[in-house]
Amino acid sequence: MGRPSKYSQEFRERAVRLVQEQRGEYPSEFEAIRSVAAKLGVGSPETVRKWVRRSEIDAGARPGMTTAEHEQVKALKREVAELRRANEILKAASSFFAAELDRPGRW
């Protein structure tokens, strides 16, 4: 699992809305992002820029993998890792029991 965010989802959405509302008031989008980051006390404008890009991807306005798709891929990767671990355990167990069957019995 990822580390918990320092900023709530509502806070991030508010920052993105502010950037979208104030874009026209600045010579570039990044200037609007820098201004919003400073006003809201976000440590780095790059953080706000990433939120804006993620919002644009999720809205379909920019190509890329959506947040839901990212979450699905992460869940599938976890599942694959767990299945691989289970397979290794089963392989080890089957070779152990096969070796036991090959041993001359003490019956």
C-alpha atoms as a PDB file:
ATOM      1  CA  MET A   1       0.000   0.000   0.000  1.00  0.00           C
ATOM      2  CA  GLY A   2       1.109   3.553  -0.605  1.00  0.00           C
ATOM      3  CA  ARG A   3       1.954   5.913   2.165  1.00  0.00           C
ATOM      4  CA  PRO A   4      -0.893   8.037   3.486  1.00  0.00           C
ATOM      5  CA  SER A   5      -1.156  11.483   1.929  1.00  0.00           C
ATOM      6  CA  LYS A   6      -0.362  14.551   3.955  1.00  0.00           C
ATOM      7  CA  TYR A   7      -3.279  16.262   2.187  1.00  0.00           C
ATOM      8  CA  SER A   8      -6.897  15.124   2.184  1.00  0.00           C
ATOM      9  CA  GLN A   9      -8.726  14.317  -1.036  1.00  0.00           C
ATOM     10  CA  GLU A  10     -10.960  17.383  -0.499  1.00  0.00           C
ATOM     11  CA  PHE A  11      -7.916  19.609  -0.119  1.00  0.00           C
ATOM     12  CA  ARG A  12      -6.397  18.272  -3.355  1.00  0.00           C
ATOM     13  CA  GLU A  13      -9.684  18.744  -5.227  1.00  0.00           C
ATOM     14  CA  ARG A  14      -9.913  22.314  -3.939  1.00  0.00           C
ATOM     15  CA  ALA A  15      -6.359  23.054  -5.119  1.00  0.00           C
ATOM     16  CA  VAL A  16      -7.145  21.668  -8.585  1.00  0.00           C
ATOM     17  CA  ARG A  17     -10.340  23.752  -8.772  1.00  0.00           C
ATOM     18  CA  LEU A  18      -8.420  26.895  -7.786  1.00  0.00           C
ATOM     19  CA  VAL A  19      -5.813  26.261 -10.495  1.00  0.00           C
ATOM     20  CA  GLN A  20      -8.553  25.750 -13.089  1.00  0.00           C
ATOM     21  CA  GLU A  21     -10.368  28.905 -11.996  1.00  0.00           C
ATOM     22  CA  GLN A  22      -7.229  31.074 -11.916  1.00  0.00           C
ATOM     23  CA  ARG A  23      -5.468  29.804 -15.073  1.00  0.00           C
ATOM     24  CA  GLY A  24      -6.502  32.835 -17.108  1.00  0.00           C
ATOM     25  CA  GLU A  25      -5.108  35.286 -14.559  1.00  0.00           C
ATOM     26  CA  TYR A  26      -1.494  34.136 -15.068  1.00  0.00           C
ATOM     27  CA  PRO A  27       0.837  34.062 -18.088  1.00  0.00           C
ATOM     28  CA  SER A  28       1.211  30.272 -17.801  1.00  0.00           C
ATOM     29  CA  GLU A  29      -0.488  27.356 -16.157  1.00  0.00           C
ATOM     30  CA  PHE A  30       2.562  26.740 -13.998  1.00  0.00           C
ATOM     31  CA  GLU A  31       2.413  30.296 -12.644  1.00  0.00           C
ATOM     32  CA  ALA A  32      -1.191  29.619 -11.582  1.00  0.00           C
ATOM     33  CA  ILE A  33      -0.069  26.336 -10.006  1.00  0.00           C
ATOM     34  CA  ARG A  34       2.813  28.067  -8.194  1.00  0.00           C
ATOM     35  CA  SER A  35       0.437  30.743  -6.868  1.00  0.00           C
ATOM     36  CA  VAL A  36      -2.164  28.243  -5.635  1.00  0.00           C
ATOM     37  CA  ALA A  37       0.526  26.107  -3.982  1.00  0.00           C
ATOM     38  CA  ALA A  38       1.870  29.153  -2.138  1.00  0.00           C
ATOM     39  CA  LYS A  39      -1.604  30.342  -1.066  1.00  0.00           C
ATOM     40  CA  LEU A  40      -2.563  26.911   0.269  1.00  0.00           C
ATOM     41  CA  GLY A  41       0.795  26.244   1.920  1.00  0.00           C
ATOM     42  CA  VAL A  42       1.666  23.228  -0.217  1.00  0.00           C
ATOM     43  CA  GLY A  43       5.401  22.624   0.023  1.00  0.00           C
ATOM     44  CA  SER A  44       6.060  22.256  -3.690  1.00  0.00           C
ATOM     45  CA  PRO A  45       4.236  23.522  -6.788  1.00  0.00           C
ATOM     46  CA  GLU A  46       5.164  20.175  -8.380  1.00  0.00           C
ATOM     47  CA  THR A  47       2.790  18.466  -5.951  1.00  0.00           C
ATOM     48  CA  VAL A  48      -0.109  20.630  -7.130  1.00  0.00           C
ATOM     49  CA  ARG A  49       0.931  20.130 -10.767  1.00  0.00           C
ATOM     50  CA  LYS A  50       0.686  16.348 -10.286  1.00  0.00           C
ATOM     51  CA  TRP A  51      -2.777  16.728  -8.759  1.00  0.00           C
ATOM     52  CA  VAL A  52      -3.877  18.819 -11.746  1.00  0.00           C
ATOM     53  CA  ARG A  53      -2.495  16.259 -14.238  1.00  0.00           C
ATOM     54  CA  ARG A  54      -4.122  13.359 -12.367  1.00  0.00           C
ATOM     55  CA  SER A  55      -7.445  15.226 -12.390  1.00  0.00           C
ATOM     56  CA  GLU A  56      -7.165  15.853 -16.139  1.00  0.00           C
ATOM     57  CA  ILE A  57      -6.408  12.166 -16.801  1.00  0.00           C
ATOM     58  CA  ASP A  58      -9.284  11.014 -14.597  1.00  0.00           C
ATOM     59  CA  ALA A  59     -11.639  13.404 -16.424  1.00  0.00           C
ATOM     60  CA  GLY A  60     -10.509  12.067 -19.801  1.00  0.00           C
ATOM     61  CA  ALA A  61      -9.063  15.417 -20.869  1.00  0.00           C
ATOM     62  CA  ARG A  62      -5.516  14.045 -21.015  1.00  0.00           C
ATOM     63  CA  PRO A  63      -4.287  10.607 -22.085  1.00  0.00           C
ATOM     64  CA  GLY A  64      -2.998   8.276 -19.416  1.00  0.00           C
ATOM     65  CA  MET A  65      -3.992   5.665 -16.884  1.00  0.00           C
ATOM     66  CA  THR A  66      -6.779   6.791 -14.547  1.00  0.00           C
ATOM     67  CA  THR A  67      -6.593   6.498 -10.777  1.00  0.00           C
ATOM     68  CA  ALA A  68      -9.047   3.580 -10.879  1.00  0.00           C
ATOM     69  CA  GLU A  69      -6.869   1.794 -13.437  1.00  0.00           C
ATOM     70  CA  HIS A  70      -3.779   2.411 -11.279  1.00  0.00           C
ATOM     71  CA  GLU A  71      -5.550   0.903  -8.283  1.00  0.00           C
ATOM     72  CA  GLN A  72      -6.652  -2.114 -10.320  1.00  0.00           C
ATOM     73  CA  VAL A  73      -3.098  -2.715 -11.587  1.00  0.00           C
ATOM     74  CA  LYS A  74      -1.722  -2.457  -8.029  1.00  0.00           C
ATOM     75  CA  ALA A  75      -4.311  -4.959  -6.766  1.00  0.00           C
ATOM     76  CA  LEU A  76      -3.512  -7.365  -9.603  1.00  0.00           C
ATOM     77  CA  LYS A  77       0.235  -7.084  -8.924  1.00  0.00           C
ATOM     78  CA  ARG A  78      -0.378  -7.905  -5.250  1.00  0.00           C
ATOM     79  CA  GLU A  79      -2.509 -10.895  -6.248  1.00  0.00           C
ATOM     80  CA  VAL A  80       0.143 -12.179  -8.680  1.00  0.00           C
ATOM     81  CA  ALA A  81       2.833 -11.880  -6.002  1.00  0.00           C
ATOM     82  CA  GLU A  82       0.674 -13.814  -3.526  1.00  0.00           C
ATOM     83  CA  LEU A  83      -0.059 -16.537  -6.099  1.00  0.00           C
ATOM     84  CA  ARG A  84       3.652 -16.849  -6.883  1.00  0.00           C
ATOM     85  CA  ARG A  85       4.412 -17.267  -3.175  1.00  0.00           C
ATOM     86  CA  ALA A  86       1.694 -19.914  -2.899  1.00  0.00           C
ATOM     87  CA  ASN A  87       3.099 -21.739  -5.950  1.00  0.00           C
ATOM     88  CA  GLU A  88       6.582 -21.785  -4.428  1.00  0.00           C
ATOM     89  CA  ILE A  89       5.181 -23.255  -1.214  1.00  0.00           C
ATOM     90  CA  LEU A  90       3.254 -25.893  -3.174  1.00  0.00           C
ATOM     91  CA  LYS A  91       6.330 -26.796  -5.249  1.00  0.00           C
ATOM     92  CA  ALA A  92       8.439 -27.194  -2.117  1.00  0.00           C
ATOM     93  CA  ALA A  93       5.753 -29.312  -0.444  1.00  0.00           C
ATOM     94  CA  SER A  94       5.275 -31.552  -3.484  1.00  0.00           C
ATOM     95  CA  SER A  95       9.015 -32.181  -3.836  1.00  0.00           C
ATOM     96  CA  PHE A  96       9.231 -32.963  -0.119  1.00  0.00           C
ATOM     97  CA  PHE A  97       6.384 -35.468  -0.286  1.00  0.00           C
ATOM     98  CA  ALA A  98       7.694 -36.971  -3.549  1.00  0.00           C
ATOM     99  CA  ALA A  99      11.044 -37.554  -1.854  1.00  0.00           C
ATOM    100  CA  GLU A 100       9.251 -39.219   1.072  1.00  0.00           C
ATOM    101  CA  LEU A 101       7.451 -41.573  -1.317  1.00  0.00           C
ATOM    102  CA  ASP A 102      10.723 -42.497  -3.076  1.00  0.00           C
ATOM    103  CA  ARG A 103      12.422 -43.456   0.206  1.00  0.00           C
ATOM    104  CA  PRO A 104      12.449 -47.127   1.113  1.00  0.00           C
ATOM    105  CA  GLY A 105       9.664 -47.619   3.606  1.00  0.00           C
ATOM    106  CA  ARG A 106       9.914 -48.594   7.219  1.00  0.00           C
ATOM    107  CA  TRP A 107       6.561 -50.295   7.065  1.00  0.00           C
END
